[in-house]
Amino acid sequence: MANPMKSVIIRDSTLREGIELPNVHLSLREKMEIVRFLESMNVPEIEIGMPYGIKDCLSLARAIKSKRLKIRTSALILSYRLTWKEEVKIAAESDIHRIEILFPASDILLNLKNYYKIRKKDLGALIRERITYAKRYLSEVGVGFVDATRTELDFLILLTQEAQEAGADRVIIYDSIGIATPPKMKKIVSAVRQNNSLQIIAHCHNDFGLATANSLASIEAGANGVDVVVNGLGDRGGNAPFEEVVLALEILYAAKTGIKLEEITELSRLVEERTGIRKALVKPIVGEFTFLHSPVMHIRNVASGNYRGFEPFKPELIGAERKYAFTLPVDYQEAVEPFFRKLGLKLKKEQKISIIKILRKESKNRGLTEKQVLAVIKRTIAWKPRR
């Protein structure tokens, strides 16, 4: 385990990135259900602003305020939209707590002149203009640099310095297409940290399955927080998963997130049900099989009380449940012994084989909890408790 770290800001982007997917349409009631759950878990901030218009998130912002929830909201404003001034004013007049103004930063994006209509040499002046204007209306204004991980590092540092001088208080480092590696994220975040005092949030996509690793690398390098999405939802390959980043920070880094870990499994189920997007059975942290054991050595260790042998943490920590599956083509006699001991049983080989046969059948789909395994054993041998 790493040395204890500072507290880390967890900003949930499920109601922004997580719903930018085909056939995901949440009603205001469903969004509020998720917001309430996030607040109950002590999530401090959420992204609600869709990048195609500030007006689309006003109803949610107003509902959050009307219910007097403490969770803070942030929304996005695109710097290159003709309506950017109007959107700043709308955000200021609404109940949104902060805005981030997005700017394309890499040559790859800036060369799309017919779309962004921004010349690289003009970007610094544009940042100053947008931030200065927004600060007239809102106290909390940040900048987000799209495709920051493919932007020349010296240029990115210059842009962050322009933003700070104009009054911005936060910078979002976007790994927009998930091409960064942990060493690269460390290099970028370290350089930004060394050259200004802005609050840094890392926003990592998962195209190469590195979003969690890149988020953690960002924190190691000095970022103040990370954007995460429940179940790793998001466009293309998704975003840094809430559950993975939070558990890794808390357990592997001894960092303080303030999140109520025991609610993570239920949060995952809620988002899965409301979005209709199923997560993998072997999804890290919240997959249905994440705490399912089937090899003999695993079952024997865990069922005997040595969970640390084959679990990184107890499932109860996140509100999950341990299960066992007796489905491999192996002899499970050693694996079932811990269960017999808990019932005070000494059985003959024939009895064990009979019980294992039933356990194989009943655990073949989703596994069995310890309580269910003991019930099978009791039922099979007509067990009676000792008096």
Protein backbone atom coordinates (compact mmCIF):
# COMPACT_ATOMS: atom_id res chain seq x y z
CA MET A 1 0.00 0.00 0.00
CA ALA A 2 1.21 3.48 -0.83
CA ASN A 3 1.76 6.18 1.76
CA PRO A 4 -1.40 8.06 2.79
CA MET A 5 -2.33 10.77 0.31
CA LYS A 6 -4.28 13.99 0.47
CA SER A 7 -8.04 14.05 0.02
CA VAL A 8 -9.20 13.66 -3.57
CA ILE A 9 -12.15 15.35 -5.26
CA ILE A 10 -14.49 12.84 -6.89
CA ARG A 11 -16.66 14.53 -9.51
CA ASP A 12 -19.30 12.23 -10.93
CA SER A 13 -20.04 12.64 -14.65
CA THR A 14 -22.70 9.95 -14.98
CA LEU A 15 -25.39 12.51 -15.83
CA ARG A 16 -23.18 14.05 -18.50
CA GLU A 17 -20.80 11.54 -20.08
CA GLY A 18 -22.80 8.55 -18.90
CA ILE A 19 -25.98 9.45 -20.75
CA GLU A 20 -24.38 10.43 -24.05
CA LEU A 21 -25.12 6.96 -25.36
CA PRO A 22 -27.66 5.49 -27.79
CA ASN A 23 -31.05 4.71 -26.26
CA VAL A 24 -30.18 6.15 -22.85
CA HIS A 25 -32.99 8.56 -22.01
CA LEU A 26 -33.49 9.45 -18.37
CA SER A 27 -36.46 11.40 -17.10
CA LEU A 28 -35.99 14.21 -14.60
CA ARG A 29 -37.31 11.88 -11.89
CA GLU A 30 -34.73 9.21 -12.81
CA LYS A 31 -31.92 11.77 -12.86
CA MET A 32 -32.95 13.05 -9.46
CA GLU A 33 -33.00 9.50 -8.14
CA ILE A 34 -29.34 9.14 -9.14
CA VAL A 35 -28.45 12.59 -7.78
CA ARG A 36 -30.03 11.79 -4.41
CA PHE A 37 -28.11 8.53 -4.24
CA LEU A 38 -24.83 10.27 -5.09
CA GLU A 39 -25.49 12.88 -2.42
CA SER A 40 -26.24 10.19 0.16
CA MET A 41 -22.81 8.73 -0.66
CA ASN A 42 -21.11 12.10 -0.03
CA VAL A 43 -20.19 12.74 -3.67
CA PRO A 44 -19.36 16.46 -3.56
CA GLU A 45 -19.90 17.46 -7.19
CA ILE A 46 -21.54 16.28 -10.38
CA GLU A 47 -21.40 17.27 -14.02
CA ILE A 48 -24.84 17.90 -15.47
CA GLY A 49 -24.26 20.23 -18.41
CA MET A 50 -24.46 18.70 -21.83
CA PRO A 51 -21.94 20.19 -24.24
CA TYR A 52 -24.60 20.96 -26.84
CA GLY A 53 -26.39 23.54 -24.75
CA ILE A 54 -26.66 24.86 -21.21
CA LYS A 55 -30.46 25.01 -21.38
CA ASP A 56 -30.70 21.23 -21.42
CA CYS A 57 -29.53 20.91 -17.82
CA LEU A 58 -31.44 23.76 -16.19
CA SER A 59 -34.40 21.68 -15.08
CA LEU A 60 -32.10 19.31 -13.20
CA ALA A 61 -30.15 22.17 -11.60
CA ARG A 62 -33.40 23.78 -10.42
CA ALA A 63 -34.73 20.48 -9.08
CA ILE A 64 -31.53 19.97 -7.09
CA LYS A 65 -31.85 23.42 -5.57
CA SER A 66 -35.57 23.07 -4.84
CA LYS A 67 -34.87 19.88 -2.86
CA ARG A 68 -32.09 21.70 -0.99
CA LEU A 69 -29.48 19.10 -1.86
CA LYS A 70 -25.91 19.95 -0.94
CA ILE A 71 -24.29 18.36 -3.98
CA ARG A 72 -22.65 20.94 -6.26
CA THR A 73 -23.31 21.08 -10.00
CA SER A 74 -21.02 22.02 -12.86
CA ALA A 75 -21.84 22.52 -16.52
CA LEU A 76 -19.94 22.89 -19.77
CA ILE A 77 -19.91 25.82 -22.17
CA LEU A 78 -18.26 25.50 -25.57
CA SER A 79 -15.97 28.45 -26.20
CA TYR A 80 -16.49 28.36 -29.97
CA ARG A 81 -20.30 28.46 -30.00
CA LEU A 82 -21.82 31.73 -31.16
CA THR A 83 -24.13 31.61 -28.15
CA TRP A 84 -21.37 31.34 -25.53
CA LYS A 85 -22.13 34.71 -23.92
CA GLU A 86 -25.81 33.91 -23.68
CA GLU A 87 -25.01 30.55 -22.10
CA VAL A 88 -22.74 32.16 -19.50
CA LYS A 89 -25.58 34.47 -18.50
CA ILE A 90 -28.07 31.61 -18.38
CA ALA A 91 -25.74 29.62 -16.14
CA ALA A 92 -25.31 32.63 -13.86
CA GLU A 93 -29.05 33.21 -13.63
CA SER A 94 -29.80 29.55 -13.03
CA ASP A 95 -28.88 27.35 -10.11
CA ILE A 96 -25.66 25.90 -11.55
CA HIS A 97 -22.74 26.31 -9.17
CA ARG A 98 -19.88 26.47 -11.64
CA ILE A 99 -19.02 26.30 -15.33
CA GLU A 100 -16.08 25.00 -17.30
CA ILE A 101 -15.41 26.61 -20.67
CA LEU A 102 -14.10 24.10 -23.20
CA PHE A 103 -11.34 24.95 -25.69
CA PRO A 104 -9.84 22.69 -28.37
CA ALA A 105 -6.13 22.53 -27.62
CA SER A 106 -4.35 20.05 -29.90
CA ASP A 107 -3.16 20.78 -33.42
CA ILE A 108 -5.36 17.92 -34.58
CA LEU A 109 -8.47 19.79 -33.46
CA LEU A 110 -7.32 23.33 -34.18
CA ASN A 111 -6.54 22.36 -37.76
CA LEU A 112 -10.28 21.75 -38.25
CA LYS A 113 -10.64 25.42 -39.10
CA ASN A 114 -14.05 25.06 -40.72
CA TYR A 115 -15.49 23.72 -37.48
CA TYR A 116 -13.79 25.50 -34.58
CA LYS A 117 -12.71 28.57 -36.57
CA ILE A 118 -9.91 29.16 -34.06
CA ARG A 119 -6.32 29.86 -34.99
CA LYS A 120 -3.68 28.49 -32.67
CA LYS A 121 -2.04 31.88 -32.25
CA ASP A 122 -5.37 33.38 -31.16
CA LEU A 123 -6.22 30.77 -28.52
CA GLY A 124 -4.56 32.57 -25.62
CA ALA A 125 -6.46 35.79 -26.30
CA LEU A 126 -9.68 33.80 -26.69
CA ILE A 127 -9.16 32.19 -23.29
CA ARG A 128 -8.61 35.56 -21.65
CA GLU A 129 -11.72 37.00 -23.28
CA ARG A 130 -14.01 34.08 -22.37
CA ILE A 131 -12.79 33.73 -18.79
CA THR A 132 -12.80 37.47 -18.10
CA TYR A 133 -16.37 37.73 -19.36
CA ALA A 134 -17.58 34.68 -17.43
CA LYS A 135 -16.02 35.93 -14.18
CA ARG A 136 -18.27 38.98 -14.38
CA TYR A 137 -21.23 36.67 -13.81
CA LEU A 138 -19.95 33.63 -11.90
CA SER A 139 -17.38 33.23 -9.16
CA GLU A 140 -16.46 29.64 -10.07
CA VAL A 141 -15.15 29.38 -13.61
CA GLY A 142 -12.77 26.77 -14.98
CA VAL A 143 -11.31 25.82 -18.32
CA GLY A 144 -11.26 22.47 -20.03
CA PHE A 145 -8.67 21.66 -22.66
CA VAL A 146 -10.02 19.09 -25.09
CA ASP A 147 -7.46 16.60 -26.39
CA ALA A 148 -4.93 17.92 -23.87
CA THR A 149 -2.94 14.69 -23.97
CA ARG A 150 -2.17 15.26 -27.67
CA THR A 151 -1.32 18.93 -27.16
CA GLU A 152 2.27 20.19 -27.14
CA LEU A 153 3.15 20.34 -23.46
CA ASP A 154 4.74 23.81 -23.55
CA PHE A 155 1.67 25.14 -25.35
CA LEU A 156 -0.68 23.49 -22.83
CA ILE A 157 1.22 25.06 -19.95
CA LEU A 158 1.01 28.45 -21.65
CA LEU A 159 -2.76 28.04 -22.04
CA THR A 160 -3.22 27.13 -18.38
CA GLN A 161 -1.21 30.18 -17.36
CA GLU A 162 -3.38 32.40 -19.56
CA ALA A 163 -6.45 30.92 -17.91
CA GLN A 164 -5.14 31.50 -14.39
CA GLU A 165 -4.19 35.09 -15.12
CA ALA A 166 -7.68 35.70 -16.49
CA GLY A 167 -9.23 34.46 -13.24
CA ALA A 168 -9.96 30.76 -13.81
CA ASP A 169 -9.79 28.59 -10.71
CA ARG A 170 -9.71 25.12 -12.27
CA VAL A 171 -8.35 23.31 -15.30
CA ILE A 172 -9.67 20.03 -16.69
CA ILE A 173 -7.06 17.89 -18.44
CA TYR A 174 -8.98 15.84 -21.01
CA ASP A 175 -7.56 12.60 -22.36
CA SER A 176 -10.30 12.86 -24.93
CA ILE A 177 -9.68 9.67 -26.89
CA GLY A 178 -8.00 7.64 -24.16
CA ILE A 179 -4.55 7.51 -25.74
CA ALA A 180 -2.50 8.56 -22.72
CA THR A 181 -0.42 6.16 -20.66
CA PRO A 182 0.19 6.57 -16.92
CA PRO A 183 3.74 7.93 -17.43
CA LYS A 184 2.42 10.45 -19.94
CA MET A 185 -0.39 11.56 -17.64
CA LYS A 186 2.12 12.01 -14.83
CA LYS A 187 4.34 14.12 -17.04
CA ILE A 188 1.48 16.35 -18.21
CA VAL A 189 -0.13 16.85 -14.81
CA SER A 190 3.23 17.40 -13.08
CA ALA A 191 4.15 20.08 -15.61
CA VAL A 192 0.81 21.85 -15.25
CA ARG A 193 1.05 21.66 -11.45
CA GLN A 194 4.56 23.10 -11.39
CA ASN A 195 3.61 26.08 -13.53
CA ASN A 196 0.41 27.34 -11.89
CA SER A 197 -1.80 27.02 -8.83
CA LEU A 198 -5.04 26.09 -10.58
CA GLN A 199 -7.07 23.21 -9.22
CA ILE A 200 -6.49 20.29 -11.60
CA ILE A 201 -9.12 17.68 -12.52
CA ALA A 202 -8.21 14.72 -14.74
CA HIS A 203 -10.85 13.50 -17.19
CA CYS A 204 -9.84 10.14 -18.65
CA HIS A 205 -11.46 8.06 -21.36
CA ASN A 206 -11.09 4.30 -21.52
CA ASP A 207 -10.42 3.49 -25.18
CA PHE A 208 -7.37 1.40 -24.28
CA GLY A 209 -8.62 0.32 -20.87
CA LEU A 210 -6.28 2.77 -19.12
CA ALA A 211 -8.75 5.29 -17.70
CA THR A 212 -8.42 4.07 -14.11
CA ALA A 213 -4.63 3.84 -14.29
CA ASN A 214 -4.40 7.28 -15.90
CA SER A 215 -6.70 8.80 -13.28
CA LEU A 216 -4.55 7.38 -10.48
CA ALA A 217 -1.37 8.56 -12.21
CA SER A 218 -2.86 12.05 -12.39
CA ILE A 219 -3.49 12.08 -8.65
CA GLU A 220 0.04 10.83 -8.00
CA ALA A 221 1.35 13.72 -10.11
CA GLY A 222 -0.56 16.39 -8.21
CA ALA A 223 -4.08 16.55 -9.62
CA ASN A 224 -6.71 17.55 -7.07
CA GLY A 225 -9.47 15.34 -8.40
CA VAL A 226 -10.86 13.14 -11.14
CA ASP A 227 -13.98 12.84 -13.25
CA VAL A 228 -15.59 9.42 -12.97
CA VAL A 229 -18.69 7.68 -14.34
CA VAL A 230 -20.62 4.89 -12.62
CA ASN A 231 -19.95 1.52 -14.29
CA GLY A 232 -17.48 3.25 -16.62
CA LEU A 233 -20.21 4.44 -18.97
CA GLY A 234 -19.43 7.02 -21.63
CA ASP A 235 -19.02 7.35 -25.36
CA ARG A 236 -16.91 4.84 -27.28
CA GLY A 237 -15.04 2.75 -24.68
CA GLY A 238 -16.38 4.71 -21.74
CA ASN A 239 -14.80 6.77 -18.99
CA ALA A 240 -12.89 6.16 -15.78
CA PRO A 241 -15.24 4.00 -13.66
CA PHE A 242 -16.42 5.55 -10.40
CA GLU A 243 -16.14 2.28 -8.51
CA GLU A 244 -12.65 1.39 -9.73
CA VAL A 245 -11.09 4.79 -9.13
CA VAL A 246 -12.66 5.30 -5.71
CA LEU A 247 -11.74 1.84 -4.38
CA ALA A 248 -8.21 2.05 -5.77
CA LEU A 249 -7.71 5.46 -4.17
CA GLU A 250 -9.09 4.35 -0.82
CA ILE A 251 -7.43 0.93 -0.58
CA LEU A 252 -4.29 1.05 -2.70
CA TYR A 253 -3.36 4.68 -2.09
CA ALA A 254 -4.89 5.24 1.37
CA ALA A 255 -6.39 8.44 -0.03
CA LYS A 256 -9.48 10.07 1.39
CA THR A 257 -12.41 10.47 -1.00
CA GLY A 258 -15.17 10.85 1.58
CA ILE A 259 -17.34 8.43 -0.40
CA LYS A 260 -19.52 5.93 1.50
CA LEU A 261 -18.06 2.76 0.06
CA GLU A 262 -20.80 0.47 1.36
CA GLU A 263 -23.25 1.98 -1.16
CA ILE A 264 -21.14 1.40 -4.28
CA THR A 265 -22.75 -1.89 -5.32
CA GLU A 266 -26.26 -0.45 -5.02
CA LEU A 267 -25.25 2.66 -6.97
CA SER A 268 -23.94 0.45 -9.75
CA ARG A 269 -27.22 -1.49 -9.84
CA LEU A 270 -29.27 1.71 -9.91
CA VAL A 271 -27.38 3.15 -12.87
CA GLU A 272 -27.49 -0.18 -14.68
CA GLU A 273 -31.26 -0.37 -14.25
CA ARG A 274 -31.97 3.24 -15.22
CA THR A 275 -29.69 3.33 -18.28
CA GLY A 276 -30.44 -0.20 -19.44
CA ILE A 277 -26.74 -0.79 -20.11
CA ARG A 278 -25.62 -4.07 -18.62
CA LYS A 279 -22.17 -4.33 -17.10
CA ALA A 280 -19.92 -7.35 -17.60
CA LEU A 281 -20.27 -10.22 -15.14
CA VAL A 282 -16.54 -9.91 -14.46
CA LYS A 283 -16.55 -6.10 -14.26
CA PRO A 284 -13.94 -5.01 -11.70
CA ILE A 285 -15.39 -4.12 -8.28
CA VAL A 286 -19.10 -4.34 -9.21
CA GLY A 287 -19.36 -7.33 -11.56
CA GLU A 288 -21.69 -10.11 -10.49
CA PHE A 289 -18.77 -12.57 -10.46
CA THR A 290 -16.24 -10.22 -8.83
CA PHE A 291 -16.58 -12.04 -5.49
CA LEU A 292 -17.43 -15.49 -6.87
CA HIS A 293 -14.98 -18.32 -6.11
CA SER A 294 -14.76 -21.60 -7.99
CA PRO A 295 -11.19 -23.03 -7.77
CA VAL A 296 -10.73 -25.42 -4.84
CA MET A 297 -7.86 -23.44 -3.30
CA HIS A 298 -9.88 -20.22 -3.44
CA ILE A 299 -12.98 -21.72 -1.85
CA ARG A 300 -10.99 -23.51 0.86
CA ASN A 301 -9.12 -20.34 1.84
CA VAL A 302 -12.03 -17.92 1.76
CA ALA A 303 -14.59 -20.23 3.35
CA SER A 304 -12.09 -20.95 6.15
CA GLY A 305 -11.94 -17.25 6.97
CA ASN A 306 -8.75 -16.39 5.08
CA TYR A 307 -10.47 -14.02 2.64
CA ARG A 308 -7.23 -12.08 2.10
CA GLY A 309 -5.86 -15.14 0.32
CA PHE A 310 -7.99 -14.48 -2.75
CA GLU A 311 -9.90 -11.23 -2.23
CA PRO A 312 -8.40 -7.70 -2.26
CA PHE A 313 -11.07 -6.59 0.22
CA LYS A 314 -14.21 -7.98 1.80
CA PRO A 315 -17.33 -7.72 -0.38
CA GLU A 316 -19.22 -6.22 2.56
CA LEU A 317 -17.06 -3.10 2.22
CA ILE A 318 -19.01 -2.11 -0.89
CA GLY A 319 -22.32 -3.74 -0.04
CA ALA A 320 -21.65 -6.84 -2.16
CA GLU A 321 -21.97 -10.54 -1.34
CA ARG A 322 -19.51 -13.40 -1.67
CA LYS A 323 -20.53 -16.46 -3.67
CA TYR A 324 -19.20 -19.92 -4.46
CA ALA A 325 -19.52 -22.02 -7.63
CA PHE A 326 -18.65 -25.71 -7.62
CA THR A 327 -18.58 -26.03 -11.39
CA LEU A 328 -15.01 -26.89 -12.43
CA PRO A 329 -14.12 -30.47 -13.45
CA VAL A 330 -12.18 -31.06 -10.21
CA ASP A 331 -12.60 -32.87 -6.90
CA TYR A 332 -14.26 -30.44 -4.49
CA GLN A 333 -13.96 -32.55 -1.34
CA GLU A 334 -11.33 -30.28 0.20
CA ALA A 335 -13.30 -27.18 -0.80
CA VAL A 336 -16.44 -28.21 1.08
CA GLU A 337 -14.66 -29.16 4.31
CA PRO A 338 -14.84 -25.59 5.79
CA PHE A 339 -18.62 -25.66 5.40
CA PHE A 340 -18.88 -29.04 7.11
CA ARG A 341 -16.78 -27.76 10.00
CA LYS A 342 -19.11 -24.79 10.49
CA LEU A 343 -21.96 -27.26 10.89
CA GLY A 344 -19.94 -29.58 13.13
CA LEU A 345 -20.15 -32.41 10.60
CA LYS A 346 -17.84 -35.31 9.83
CA LEU A 347 -19.16 -37.04 6.75
CA LYS A 348 -18.27 -40.13 4.80
CA LYS A 349 -16.86 -39.84 1.30
CA GLU A 350 -20.14 -40.98 -0.27
CA GLN A 351 -22.05 -38.25 1.56
CA LYS A 352 -19.57 -35.61 0.45
CA ILE A 353 -19.80 -36.69 -3.17
CA SER A 354 -23.58 -36.59 -3.00
CA ILE A 355 -23.54 -33.06 -1.56
CA ILE A 356 -20.98 -31.85 -4.11
CA LYS A 357 -23.13 -33.17 -6.93
CA ILE A 358 -26.05 -31.06 -5.74
CA LEU A 359 -23.82 -28.02 -5.19
CA ARG A 360 -22.54 -28.35 -8.76
CA LYS A 361 -26.07 -28.25 -10.12
CA GLU A 362 -27.38 -25.44 -7.94
CA SER A 363 -24.35 -23.16 -8.33
CA LYS A 364 -23.92 -23.49 -12.09
CA ASN A 365 -25.58 -20.22 -13.09
CA ARG A 366 -24.88 -17.49 -10.55
CA GLY A 367 -23.11 -19.25 -7.69
CA LEU A 368 -24.32 -19.70 -4.12
CA THR A 369 -23.81 -17.59 -1.01
CA GLU A 370 -22.39 -19.25 2.10
CA LYS A 371 -25.87 -19.29 3.58
CA GLN A 372 -27.16 -21.09 0.50
CA VAL A 373 -24.29 -23.59 0.51
CA LEU A 374 -24.99 -24.44 4.16
CA ALA A 375 -28.70 -24.78 3.37
CA VAL A 376 -27.95 -27.29 0.61
CA ILE A 377 -25.80 -29.34 2.99
CA LYS A 378 -28.44 -29.29 5.75
CA ARG A 379 -31.19 -30.24 3.34
CA THR A 380 -29.19 -33.06 1.79
CA ILE A 381 -28.33 -34.81 5.06
CA ALA A 382 -31.40 -33.76 7.04
CA TRP A 383 -29.08 -31.89 9.40
CA LYS A 384 -30.21 -31.06 12.89
CA PRO A 385 -28.39 -28.58 15.17
CA ARG A 386 -26.56 -30.02 18.16
CA ARG A 387 -28.22 -29.43 21.50
